[in-house]
PDB file of N, CA and C in Angstrom:
ATOM      1  N   MET A   1      14.445   8.962  -2.970  1.00  0.00           N
ATOM      2  CA  MET A   1      13.119   8.574  -2.535  1.00  0.00           C
ATOM      3  C   MET A   1      12.442   7.805  -3.664  1.00  0.00           C
ATOM      4  N   VAL A   2      11.806   6.722  -3.324  1.00  0.00           N
ATOM      5  CA  VAL A   2      11.132   5.876  -4.295  1.00  0.00           C
ATOM      6  C   VAL A   2       9.656   6.240  -4.314  1.00  0.00           C
ATOM      7  N   GLU A   3       9.145   6.580  -5.484  1.00  0.00           N
ATOM      8  CA  GLU A   3       7.719   6.875  -5.600  1.00  0.00           C
ATOM      9  C   GLU A   3       6.974   5.572  -5.802  1.00  0.00           C
ATOM     10  N   VAL A   4       6.037   5.298  -4.913  1.00  0.00           N
ATOM     11  CA  VAL A   4       5.267   4.062  -4.991  1.00  0.00           C
ATOM     12  C   VAL A   4       3.855   4.420  -5.414  1.00  0.00           C
ATOM     13  N   ASN A   5       3.507   4.056  -6.639  1.00  0.00           N
ATOM     14  CA  ASN A   5       2.158   4.310  -7.134  1.00  0.00           C
ATOM     15  C   ASN A   5       1.481   2.979  -7.452  1.00  0.00           C
ATOM     16  N   GLU A   6       0.273   3.028  -7.929  1.00  0.00           N
ATOM     17  CA  GLU A   6      -0.505   1.820  -8.214  1.00  0.00           C
ATOM     18  C   GLU A   6       0.203   0.930  -9.237  1.00  0.00           C
ATOM     19  N   ARG A   7       0.787   1.549 -10.232  1.00  0.00           N
ATOM     20  CA  ARG A   7       1.498   0.790 -11.272  1.00  0.00           C
ATOM     21  C   ARG A   7       2.703   0.051 -10.682  1.00  0.00           C
ATOM     22  N   THR A   8       3.443   0.727  -9.822  1.00  0.00           N
ATOM     23  CA  THR A   8       4.595   0.111  -9.166  1.00  0.00           C
ATOM     24  C   THR A   8       4.160  -1.053  -8.286  1.00  0.00           C
ATOM     25  N   LEU A   9       3.080  -0.859  -7.532  1.00  0.00           N
ATOM     26  CA  LEU A   9       2.579  -1.930  -6.670  1.00  0.00           C
ATOM     27  C   LEU A   9       2.138  -3.132  -7.495  1.00  0.00           C
ATOM     28  N   ASP A  10       1.484  -2.885  -8.630  1.00  0.00           N
ATOM     29  CA  ASP A  10       1.085  -3.985  -9.505  1.00  0.00           C
ATOM     30  C   ASP A  10       2.305  -4.735 -10.026  1.00  0.00           C
ATOM     31  N   TRP A  11       3.348  -3.987 -10.423  1.00  0.00           N
ATOM     32  CA  TRP A  11       4.569  -4.617 -10.919  1.00  0.00           C
ATOM     33  C   TRP A  11       5.220  -5.459  -9.826  1.00  0.00           C
ATOM     34  N   LEU A  12       5.300  -4.911  -8.614  1.00  0.00           N
ATOM     35  CA  LEU A  12       5.898  -5.642  -7.502  1.00  0.00           C
ATOM     36  C   LEU A  12       5.112  -6.915  -7.190  1.00  0.00           C
ATOM     37  N   ASP A  13       3.793  -6.809  -7.201  1.00  0.00           N
ATOM     38  CA  ASP A  13       2.948  -7.973  -6.936  1.00  0.00           C
ATOM     39  C   ASP A  13       3.206  -9.065  -7.977  1.00  0.00           C
ATOM     40  N   GLU A  14       3.306  -8.675  -9.234  1.00  0.00           N
ATOM     41  CA  GLU A  14       3.577  -9.639 -10.298  1.00  0.00           C
ATOM     42  C   GLU A  14       4.982 -10.226 -10.161  1.00  0.00           C
ATOM     43  N   ALA A  15       5.963  -9.387  -9.822  1.00  0.00           N
ATOM     44  CA  ALA A  15       7.336  -9.862  -9.647  1.00  0.00           C
ATOM     45  C   ALA A  15       7.422 -10.884  -8.512  1.00  0.00           C
ATOM     46  N   ILE A  16       6.677 -10.657  -7.448  1.00  0.00           N
ATOM     47  CA  ILE A  16       6.650 -11.605  -6.332  1.00  0.00           C
ATOM     48  C   ILE A  16       6.053 -12.930  -6.802  1.00  0.00           C
ATOM     49  N   ASP A  17       4.942 -12.846  -7.542  1.00  0.00           N
ATOM     50  CA  ASP A  17       4.301 -14.056  -8.060  1.00  0.00           C
ATOM     51  C   ASP A  17       5.232 -14.845  -8.977  1.00  0.00           C
ATOM     52  N   LEU A  18       6.076 -14.143  -9.734  1.00  0.00           N
ATOM     53  CA  LEU A  18       7.012 -14.795 -10.651  1.00  0.00           C
ATOM     54  C   LEU A  18       8.274 -15.284  -9.941  1.00  0.00           C
ATOM     55  N   GLY A  19       8.420 -14.973  -8.652  1.00  0.00           N
ATOM     56  CA  GLY A  19       9.566 -15.431  -7.882  1.00  0.00           C
ATOM     57  C   GLY A  19      10.839 -14.632  -8.119  1.00  0.00           C
ATOM     58  N   GLN A  20      10.691 -13.382  -8.535  1.00  0.00           N
ATOM     59  CA  GLN A  20      11.871 -12.534  -8.744  1.00  0.00           C
ATOM     60  C   GLN A  20      12.564 -12.271  -7.411  1.00  0.00           C
ATOM     61  N   SER A  21      13.865 -12.088  -7.464  1.00  0.00           N
ATOM     62  CA  SER A  21      14.625 -11.833  -6.236  1.00  0.00           C
ATOM     63  C   SER A  21      14.371 -10.403  -5.747  1.00  0.00           C
ATOM     64  N   TYR A  22      14.585 -10.203  -4.454  1.00  0.00           N
ATOM     65  CA  TYR A  22      14.436  -8.860  -3.893  1.00  0.00           C
ATOM     66  C   TYR A  22      15.473  -7.916  -4.498  1.00  0.00           C
ATOM     67  N   GLN A  23      16.657  -8.443  -4.790  1.00  0.00           N
ATOM     68  CA  GLN A  23      17.703  -7.611  -5.397  1.00  0.00           C
ATOM     69  C   GLN A  23      17.261  -7.127  -6.772  1.00  0.00           C
ATOM     70  N   TYR A  24      16.652  -8.000  -7.561  1.00  0.00           N
ATOM     71  CA  TYR A  24      16.160  -7.625  -8.890  1.00  0.00           C
ATOM     72  C   TYR A  24      15.102  -6.524  -8.780  1.00  0.00           C
ATOM     73  N   MET A  25      14.157  -6.717  -7.850  1.00  0.00           N
ATOM     74  CA  MET A  25      13.090  -5.726  -7.682  1.00  0.00           C
ATOM     75  C   MET A  25      13.658  -4.399  -7.185  1.00  0.00           C
ATOM     76  N   ALA A  26      14.613  -4.462  -6.250  1.00  0.00           N
ATOM     77  CA  ALA A  26      15.233  -3.239  -5.721  1.00  0.00           C
ATOM     78  C   ALA A  26      15.982  -2.502  -6.827  1.00  0.00           C
ATOM     79  N   ASP A  27      16.719  -3.235  -7.661  1.00  0.00           N
ATOM     80  CA  ASP A  27      17.430  -2.611  -8.782  1.00  0.00           C
ATOM     81  C   ASP A  27      16.455  -1.943  -9.740  1.00  0.00           C
ATOM     82  N   HIS A  28      15.324  -2.593  -9.991  1.00  0.00           N
ATOM     83  CA  HIS A  28      14.309  -2.033 -10.886  1.00  0.00           C
ATOM     84  C   HIS A  28      13.755  -0.707 -10.343  1.00  0.00           C
ATOM     85  N   LEU A  29      13.565  -0.645  -9.012  1.00  0.00           N
ATOM     86  CA  LEU A  29      13.032   0.575  -8.394  1.00  0.00           C
ATOM     87  C   LEU A  29      14.110   1.616  -8.113  1.00  0.00           C
ATOM     88  N   GLY A  30      15.367   1.192  -8.137  1.00  0.00           N
ATOM     89  CA  GLY A  30      16.457   2.125  -7.852  1.00  0.00           C
ATOM     90  C   GLY A  30      16.650   2.373  -6.375  1.00  0.00           C
ATOM     91  N   CYS A  31      16.494   1.326  -5.566  1.00  0.00           N
ATOM     92  CA  CYS A  31      16.672   1.460  -4.122  1.00  0.00           C
ATOM     93  C   CYS A  31      17.409   0.234  -3.603  1.00  0.00           C
ATOM     94  N   CYS A  32      17.713   0.219  -2.315  1.00  0.00           N
ATOM     95  CA  CYS A  32      18.370  -0.941  -1.716  1.00  0.00           C
ATOM     96  C   CYS A  32      17.316  -1.972  -1.315  1.00  0.00           C
ATOM     97  N   THR A  33      17.762  -3.192  -1.024  1.00  0.00           N
ATOM     98  CA  THR A  33      16.813  -4.256  -0.688  1.00  0.00           C
ATOM     99  C   THR A  33      16.062  -3.974   0.616  1.00  0.00           C
ATOM    100  N   ASP A  34      16.711  -3.310   1.577  1.00  0.00           N
ATOM    101  CA  ASP A  34      16.000  -2.977   2.818  1.00  0.00           C
ATOM    102  C   ASP A  34      14.836  -2.028   2.559  1.00  0.00           C
ATOM    103  N   THR A  35      15.064  -1.032   1.703  1.00  0.00           N
ATOM    104  CA  THR A  35      13.983  -0.102   1.362  1.00  0.00           C
ATOM    105  C   THR A  35      12.875  -0.853   0.638  1.00  0.00           C
ATOM    106  N   LEU A  36      13.244  -1.733  -0.286  1.00  0.00           N
ATOM    107  CA  LEU A  36      12.241  -2.525  -1.002  1.00  0.00           C
ATOM    108  C   LEU A  36      11.420  -3.351  -0.021  1.00  0.00           C
ATOM    109  N   LYS A  37      12.084  -4.003   0.933  1.00  0.00           N
ATOM    110  CA  LYS A  37      11.361  -4.832   1.899  1.00  0.00           C
ATOM    111  C   LYS A  37      10.406  -3.992   2.737  1.00  0.00           C
ATOM    112  N   ARG A  38      10.826  -2.785   3.093  1.00  0.00           N
ATOM    113  CA  ARG A  38       9.924  -1.897   3.852  1.00  0.00           C
ATOM    114  C   ARG A  38       8.702  -1.530   3.014  1.00  0.00           C
ATOM    115  N   ILE A  39       8.917  -1.265   1.725  1.00  0.00           N
ATOM    116  CA  ILE A  39       7.806  -0.941   0.823  1.00  0.00           C
ATOM    117  C   ILE A  39       6.855  -2.130   0.726  1.00  0.00           C
ATOM    118  N   LEU A  40       7.405  -3.313   0.497  1.00  0.00           N
ATOM    119  CA  LEU A  40       6.583  -4.521   0.377  1.00  0.00           C
ATOM    120  C   LEU A  40       5.787  -4.771   1.654  1.00  0.00           C
ATOM    121  N   HIS A  41       6.433  -4.586   2.798  1.00  0.00           N
ATOM    122  CA  HIS A  41       5.765  -4.809   4.078  1.00  0.00           C
ATOM    123  C   HIS A  41       4.684  -3.756   4.327  1.00  0.00           C
ATOM    124  N   ARG A  42       5.007  -2.489   4.065  1.00  0.00           N
ATOM    125  CA  ARG A  42       4.067  -1.389   4.309  1.00  0.00           C
ATOM    126  C   ARG A  42       2.787  -1.549   3.497  1.00  0.00           C
ATOM    127  N   HIS A  43       2.910  -2.076   2.275  1.00  0.00           N
ATOM    128  CA  HIS A  43       1.746  -2.213   1.403  1.00  0.00           C
ATOM    129  C   HIS A  43       1.122  -3.603   1.467  1.00  0.00           C
ATOM    130  N   GLY A  44       1.592  -4.418   2.399  1.00  0.00           N
ATOM    131  CA  GLY A  44       0.976  -5.712   2.633  1.00  0.00           C
ATOM    132  C   GLY A  44       1.239  -6.756   1.560  1.00  0.00           C
ATOM    133  N   LEU A  45       2.281  -6.581   0.767  1.00  0.00           N
ATOM    134  CA  LEU A  45       2.585  -7.560  -0.277  1.00  0.00           C
ATOM    135  C   LEU A  45       3.369  -8.745   0.274  1.00  0.00           C
ATOM    136  N   VAL A  46       4.225  -8.501   1.272  1.00  0.00           N
ATOM    137  CA  VAL A  46       5.017  -9.541   1.923  1.00  0.00           C
ATOM    138  C   VAL A  46       5.134  -9.179   3.401  1.00  0.00           C
ATOM    139  N   GLU A  47       5.070 -10.190   4.257  1.00  0.00           N
ATOM    140  CA  GLU A  47       5.241  -9.970   5.691  1.00  0.00           C
ATOM    141  C   GLU A  47       6.661 -10.350   6.087  1.00  0.00           C
ATOM    142  N   PHE A  48       7.356  -9.462   6.751  1.00  0.00           N
ATOM    143  CA  PHE A  48       8.702  -9.727   7.243  1.00  0.00           C
ATOM    144  C   PHE A  48       8.706  -9.602   8.753  1.00  0.00           C
ATOM    145  N   GLU A  49       9.492 -10.462   9.403  1.00  0.00           N
ATOM    146  CA  GLU A  49       9.666 -10.328  10.837  1.00  0.00           C
ATOM    147  C   GLU A  49      10.869  -9.434  11.082  1.00  0.00           C
ATOM    148  N   GLY A  50      10.875  -8.784  12.198  1.00  0.00           N
ATOM    149  CA  GLY A  50      11.988  -7.910  12.541  1.00  0.00           C
ATOM    150  C   GLY A  50      11.495  -6.504  12.791  1.00  0.00           C
ATOM    151  N   ALA A  51      12.100  -5.878  13.764  1.00  0.00           N
ATOM    152  CA  ALA A  51      11.657  -4.552  14.189  1.00  0.00           C
ATOM    153  C   ALA A  51      11.788  -3.499  13.103  1.00  0.00           C
ATOM    154  N   LYS A  52      12.798  -3.616  12.240  1.00  0.00           N
ATOM    155  CA  LYS A  52      12.999  -2.535  11.275  1.00  0.00           C
ATOM    156  C   LYS A  52      11.950  -2.522  10.170  1.00  0.00           C
ATOM    157  N   TYR A  53      11.161  -3.583  10.046  1.00  0.00           N
ATOM    158  CA  TYR A  53      10.112  -3.615   9.022  1.00  0.00           C
ATOM    159  C   TYR A  53       8.736  -3.292   9.583  1.00  0.00           C
ATOM    160  N   GLN A  54       8.637  -3.115  10.876  1.00  0.00           N
ATOM    161  CA  GLN A  54       7.352  -2.858  11.491  1.00  0.00           C
ATOM    162  C   GLN A  54       7.026  -1.369  11.458  1.00  0.00           C
ATOM    163  N   SER A  55       5.751  -1.081  11.331  1.00  0.00           N
ATOM    164  CA  SER A  55       5.296   0.302  11.370  1.00  0.00           C
ATOM    165  C   SER A  55       5.380   0.808  12.799  1.00  0.00           C
ATOM    166  N   LEU A  56       5.718   2.062  12.946  1.00  0.00           N
ATOM    167  CA  LEU A  56       5.808   2.666  14.260  1.00  0.00           C
ATOM    168  C   LEU A  56       4.410   3.041  14.728  1.00  0.00           C
ATOM    169  N   THR A  57       4.000   2.462  15.825  1.00  0.00           N
ATOM    170  CA  THR A  57       2.700   2.808  16.396  1.00  0.00           C
ATOM    171  C   THR A  57       2.900   3.131  17.865  1.00  0.00           C
ATOM    172  N   ILE A  58       2.704   4.361  18.207  1.00  0.00           N
ATOM    173  CA  ILE A  58       2.830   4.797  19.591  1.00  0.00           C
ATOM    174  C   ILE A  58       1.447   5.238  20.036  1.00  0.00           C
ATOM    175  N   ASN A  59       0.881   4.494  20.975  1.00  0.00           N
ATOM    176  CA  ASN A  59      -0.444   4.794  21.502  1.00  0.00           C
ATOM    177  C   ASN A  59      -1.427   5.139  20.383  1.00  0.00           C
ATOM    178  N   PRO A  60      -1.886   4.137  19.645  1.00  0.00           N
ATOM    179  CA  PRO A  60      -2.750   4.414  18.499  1.00  0.00           C
ATOM    180  C   PRO A  60      -4.113   4.990  18.854  1.00  0.00           C
ATOM    181  N   GLY A  61      -4.482   4.972  20.118  1.00  0.00           N
ATOM    182  CA  GLY A  61      -5.766   5.510  20.523  1.00  0.00           C
ATOM    183  C   GLY A  61      -6.873   4.488  20.329  1.00  0.00           C
ATOM    184  N   PRO A  62      -8.125   4.936  20.480  1.00  0.00           N
ATOM    185  CA  PRO A  62      -9.238   3.998  20.361  1.00  0.00           C
ATOM    186  C   PRO A  62      -9.292   3.390  18.949  1.00  0.00           C
ATOM    187  N   GLN A  63      -9.580   2.101  18.900  1.00  0.00           N
ATOM    188  CA  GLN A  63      -9.663   1.374  17.636  1.00  0.00           C
ATOM    189  C   GLN A  63     -11.090   0.859  17.444  1.00  0.00           C
ATOM    190  N   TRP A  64     -11.457   0.594  16.198  1.00  0.00           N
ATOM    191  CA  TRP A  64     -12.702  -0.099  15.916  1.00  0.00           C
ATOM    192  C   TRP A  64     -12.497  -1.028  14.751  1.00  0.00           C
ATOM    193  N   GLU A  65     -13.431  -1.940  14.559  1.00  0.00           N
ATOM    194  CA  GLU A  65     -13.343  -2.922  13.489  1.00  0.00           C
ATOM    195  C   GLU A  65     -14.505  -2.774  12.526  1.00  0.00           C
ATOM    196  N   ARG A  66     -14.984  -1.561  12.379  1.00  0.00           N
ATOM    197  CA  ARG A  66     -16.063  -1.285  11.450  1.00  0.00           C
ATOM    198  C   ARG A  66     -15.597  -1.590  10.029  1.00  0.00           C
ATOM    199  N   PRO A  67     -16.431  -2.193   9.179  1.00  0.00           N
ATOM    200  CA  PRO A  67     -16.005  -2.509   7.810  1.00  0.00           C
ATOM    201  C   PRO A  67     -15.615  -1.254   7.035  1.00  0.00           C
ATOM    202  N   CYS A  68     -14.563  -1.381   6.240  1.00  0.00           N
ATOM    203  CA  CYS A  68     -14.123  -0.297   5.360  1.00  0.00           C
ATOM    204  C   CYS A  68     -15.262   0.043   4.403  1.00  0.00           C
ATOM    205  N   MET A  69     -15.462   1.305   4.139  1.00  0.00           N
ATOM    206  CA  MET A  69     -16.548   1.726   3.258  1.00  0.00           C
ATOM    207  C   MET A  69     -16.278   1.360   1.796  1.00  0.00           C
ATOM    208  N   ARG A  70     -15.042   0.996   1.487  1.00  0.00           N
ATOM    209  CA  ARG A  70     -14.703   0.677   0.102  1.00  0.00           C
ATOM    210  C   ARG A  70     -14.595  -0.825  -0.112  1.00  0.00           C
ATOM    211  N   CYS A  71     -13.700  -1.493   0.635  1.00  0.00           N
ATOM    212  CA  CYS A  71     -13.417  -2.913   0.386  1.00  0.00           C
ATOM    213  C   CYS A  71     -14.078  -3.844   1.400  1.00  0.00           C
ATOM    214  N   LYS A  72     -14.715  -3.278   2.412  1.00  0.00           N
ATOM    215  CA  LYS A  72     -15.422  -4.013   3.470  1.00  0.00           C
ATOM    216  C   LYS A  72     -14.501  -4.778   4.413  1.00  0.00           C
ATOM    217  N   SER A  73     -13.201  -4.490   4.403  1.00  0.00           N
ATOM    218  CA  SER A  73     -12.266  -5.113   5.340  1.00  0.00           C
ATOM    219  C   SER A  73     -12.647  -4.703   6.760  1.00  0.00           C
ATOM    220  N   ASP A  74     -12.545  -5.658   7.692  1.00  0.00           N
ATOM    221  CA  ASP A  74     -12.880  -5.323   9.080  1.00  0.00           C
ATOM    222  C   ASP A  74     -11.643  -5.290   9.965  1.00  0.00           C
ATOM    223  N   GLU A  75     -10.479  -4.964   9.361  1.00  0.00           N
ATOM    224  CA  GLU A  75      -9.255  -4.837  10.149  1.00  0.00           C
ATOM    225  C   GLU A  75      -9.386  -3.682  11.134  1.00  0.00           C
ATOM    226  N   ALA A  76      -8.746  -3.833  12.292  1.00  0.00           N
ATOM    227  CA  ALA A  76      -8.788  -2.781  13.304  1.00  0.00           C
ATOM    228  C   ALA A  76      -8.061  -1.546  12.779  1.00  0.00           C
ATOM    229  N   ARG A  77      -8.645  -0.390  13.011  1.00  0.00           N
ATOM    230  CA  ARG A  77      -8.026   0.876  12.606  1.00  0.00           C
ATOM    231  C   ARG A  77      -8.533   1.965  13.543  1.00  0.00           C
ATOM    232  N   PRO A  78      -7.901   3.144  13.486  1.00  0.00           N
ATOM    233  CA  PRO A  78      -8.318   4.210  14.410  1.00  0.00           C
ATOM    234  C   PRO A  78      -9.816   4.506  14.292  1.00  0.00           C
ATOM    235  N   LYS A  79     -10.431   4.740  15.426  1.00  0.00           N
ATOM    236  CA  LYS A  79     -11.856   5.059  15.445  1.00  0.00           C
ATOM    237  C   LYS A  79     -12.114   6.296  14.600  1.00  0.00           C
ATOM    238  N   TYR A  80     -13.182   6.263  13.850  1.00  0.00           N
ATOM    239  CA  TYR A  80     -13.613   7.322  12.929  1.00  0.00           C
ATOM    240  C   TYR A  80     -12.792   7.373  11.646  1.00  0.00           C
ATOM    241  N   GLN A  81     -11.913   6.379  11.428  1.00  0.00           N
ATOM    242  CA  GLN A  81     -11.263   6.236  10.119  1.00  0.00           C
ATOM    243  C   GLN A  81     -12.150   5.259   9.349  1.00  0.00           C
ATOM    244  N   TYR A  82     -12.893   5.769   8.378  1.00  0.00           N
ATOM    245  CA  TYR A  82     -13.915   4.981   7.708  1.00  0.00           C
ATOM    246  C   TYR A  82     -13.369   4.076   6.610  1.00  0.00           C
ATOM    247  N   PHE A  83     -12.141   4.335   6.142  1.00  0.00           N
ATOM    248  CA  PHE A  83     -11.511   3.514   5.116  1.00  0.00           C
ATOM    249  C   PHE A  83     -10.294   2.829   5.720  1.00  0.00           C
ATOM    250  N   CYS A  84     -10.033   1.563   5.343  1.00  0.00           N
ATOM    251  CA  CYS A  84      -8.839   0.872   5.831  1.00  0.00           C
ATOM    252  C   CYS A  84      -7.596   1.576   5.282  1.00  0.00           C
ATOM    253  N   THR A  85      -6.446   1.259   5.825  1.00  0.00           N
ATOM    254  CA  THR A  85      -5.216   1.944   5.438  1.00  0.00           C
ATOM    255  C   THR A  85      -4.901   1.807   3.948  1.00  0.00           C
ATOM    256  N   PRO A  86      -4.968   0.593   3.343  1.00  0.00           N
ATOM    257  CA  PRO A  86      -4.704   0.507   1.898  1.00  0.00           C
ATOM    258  C   PRO A  86      -5.667   1.363   1.062  1.00  0.00           C
ATOM    259  N   CYS A  87      -6.945   1.378   1.426  1.00  0.00           N
ATOM    260  CA  CYS A  87      -7.914   2.195   0.682  1.00  0.00           C
ATOM    261  C   CYS A  87      -7.658   3.684   0.913  1.00  0.00           C
ATOM    262  N   THR A  88      -7.258   4.060   2.123  1.00  0.00           N
ATOM    263  CA  THR A  88      -6.935   5.459   2.408  1.00  0.00           C
ATOM    264  C   THR A  88      -5.763   5.908   1.548  1.00  0.00           C
ATOM    265  N   GLU A  89      -4.724   5.065   1.467  1.00  0.00           N
ATOM    266  CA  GLU A  89      -3.566   5.409   0.637  1.00  0.00           C
ATOM    267  C   GLU A  89      -3.955   5.492  -0.837  1.00  0.00           C
ATOM    268  N   ARG A  90      -4.809   4.578  -1.281  1.00  0.00           N
ATOM    269  CA  ARG A  90      -5.270   4.609  -2.672  1.00  0.00           C
ATOM    270  C   ARG A  90      -6.067   5.892  -2.936  1.00  0.00           C
ATOM    271  N   ASN A  91      -6.923   6.266  -1.992  1.00  0.00           N
ATOM    272  CA  ASN A  91      -7.708   7.493  -2.146  1.00  0.00           C
ATOM    273  C   ASN A  91      -6.795   8.714  -2.255  1.00  0.00           C
ATOM    274  N   LYS A  92      -5.725   8.731  -1.456  1.00  0.00           N
ATOM    275  CA  LYS A  92      -4.779   9.858  -1.516  1.00  0.00           C
ATOM    276  C   LYS A  92      -4.092   9.909  -2.872  1.00  0.00           C
ATOM    277  N   ARG A  93      -3.689   8.720  -3.386  1.00  0.00           N
ATOM    278  CA  ARG A  93      -3.056   8.682  -4.713  1.00  0.00           C
ATOM    279  C   ARG A  93      -4.022   9.157  -5.786  1.00  0.00           C
ATOM    280  N   MET A  94      -5.272   8.720  -5.698  1.00  0.00           N
ATOM    281  CA  MET A  94      -6.271   9.111  -6.696  1.00  0.00           C
ATOM    282  C   MET A  94      -6.543  10.617  -6.633  1.00  0.00           C
ATOM    283  N   ALA A  95      -6.573  11.168  -5.428  1.00  0.00           N
ATOM    284  CA  ALA A  95      -6.841  12.593  -5.265  1.00  0.00           C
ATOM    285  C   ALA A  95      -5.712  13.441  -5.837  1.00  0.00           C
ATOM    286  N   SER A  96      -4.495  12.881  -5.849  1.00  0.00           N
ATOM    287  CA  SER A  96      -3.363  13.656  -6.352  1.00  0.00           C
ATOM    288  C   SER A  96      -3.295  13.636  -7.880  1.00  0.00           C
ATOM    289  N   GLN A  97      -4.044  12.747  -8.513  1.00  0.00           N
ATOM    290  CA  GLN A  97      -4.068  12.691  -9.975  1.00  0.00           C
ATOM    291  C   GLN A  97      -5.086  13.699 -10.495  1.00  0.00           C
ATOM    292  N   SER A  98      -4.958  14.011 -11.779  1.00  0.00           N
ATOM    293  CA  SER A  98      -5.931  14.942 -12.346  1.00  0.00           C
ATOM    294  C   SER A  98      -7.284  14.254 -12.446  1.00  0.00           C
ATOM    295  N   HIS A  99      -8.328  15.020 -12.442  1.00  0.00           N
ATOM    296  CA  HIS A  99      -9.692  14.514 -12.439  1.00  0.00           C
ATOM    297  C   HIS A  99      -9.971  13.619 -13.640  1.00  0.00           C
ATOM    298  N   GLU A 100      -9.425  13.921 -14.804  1.00  0.00           N
ATOM    299  CA  GLU A 100      -9.681  13.139 -16.008  1.00  0.00           C
ATOM    300  C   GLU A 100      -9.035  11.759 -15.946  1.00  0.00           C
ATOM    301  N   ASP A 101      -7.988  11.600 -15.140  1.00  0.00           N
ATOM    302  CA  ASP A 101      -7.274  10.327 -15.076  1.00  0.00           C
ATOM    303  C   ASP A 101      -8.088   9.220 -14.427  1.00  0.00           C
ATOM    304  N   TRP A 102      -9.032   9.544 -13.554  1.00  0.00           N
ATOM    305  CA  TRP A 102      -9.677   8.479 -12.808  1.00  0.00           C
ATOM    306  C   TRP A 102     -11.204   8.491 -12.842  1.00  0.00           C
ATOM    307  N   THR A 103     -11.800   9.451 -13.492  1.00  0.00           N
ATOM    308  CA  THR A 103     -13.252   9.466 -13.542  1.00  0.00           C
ATOM    309  C   THR A 103     -13.756   8.439 -14.535  1.00  0.00           C
ATOM    310  N   MET A 104     -14.908   7.917 -14.256  1.00  0.00           N
ATOM    311  CA  MET A 104     -15.512   6.976 -15.178  1.00  0.00           C
ATOM    312  C   MET A 104     -16.278   7.739 -16.238  1.00  0.00           C
ATOM    313  N   THR A 105     -16.199   7.278 -17.452  1.00  0.00           N
ATOM    314  CA  THR A 105     -16.941   7.916 -18.525  1.00  0.00           C
ATOM    315  C   THR A 105     -17.999   6.960 -19.027  1.00  0.00           C
ATOM    316  N   ALA A 106     -19.104   7.491 -19.447  1.00  0.00           N
ATOM    317  CA  ALA A 106     -20.206   6.672 -19.957  1.00  0.00           C
ATOM    318  C   ALA A 106     -19.822   6.100 -21.303  1.00  0.00           C
ATOM    319  N   PRO A 107     -20.219   4.847 -21.572  1.00  0.00           N
ATOM    320  CA  PRO A 107     -19.920   4.265 -22.877  1.00  0.00           C
ATOM    321  C   PRO A 107     -20.634   5.036 -23.987  1.00  0.00           C
ATOM    322  N   THR A 108     -19.997   5.075 -25.128  1.00  0.00           N
ATOM    323  CA  THR A 108     -20.612   5.798 -26.263  1.00  0.00           C
ATOM    324  C   THR A 108     -21.263   4.845 -27.213  1.00  0.00           C
TER     325      THR A 108
END
C-alpha cells in the first residue's frame, strides 16, 4: 500500500511539471504505473481516460454546488458536504497528525 501524504503529492506535482516518466514516479513510490496513475487521477494531478481510472460512484444522491468553505470551489459534491473532496482529504490528513505539527504559532 502506498501512503499518499501532502509531501508525496507535492513531489508528484513537481515531477509532472519536470516531465518525469510515470515509470520513474512509480519506482520512487514503490508501486506499479497503474497504481501511480490511479493516485494521480484520484488527487486531480492528471486526468486519464478509461474505466479503471474512474472513481466508483453508485447513486451519489442529492448534489449541490455550494462553495467549499476552505477553497471556495463550486464543484458538485454530496449535499451537506461543506468541503470539496480535496479539502476533505486534506482535513483528514491534518487531523491524523499531532496537534503541534499543524497549528500556527504567533511570531516571537
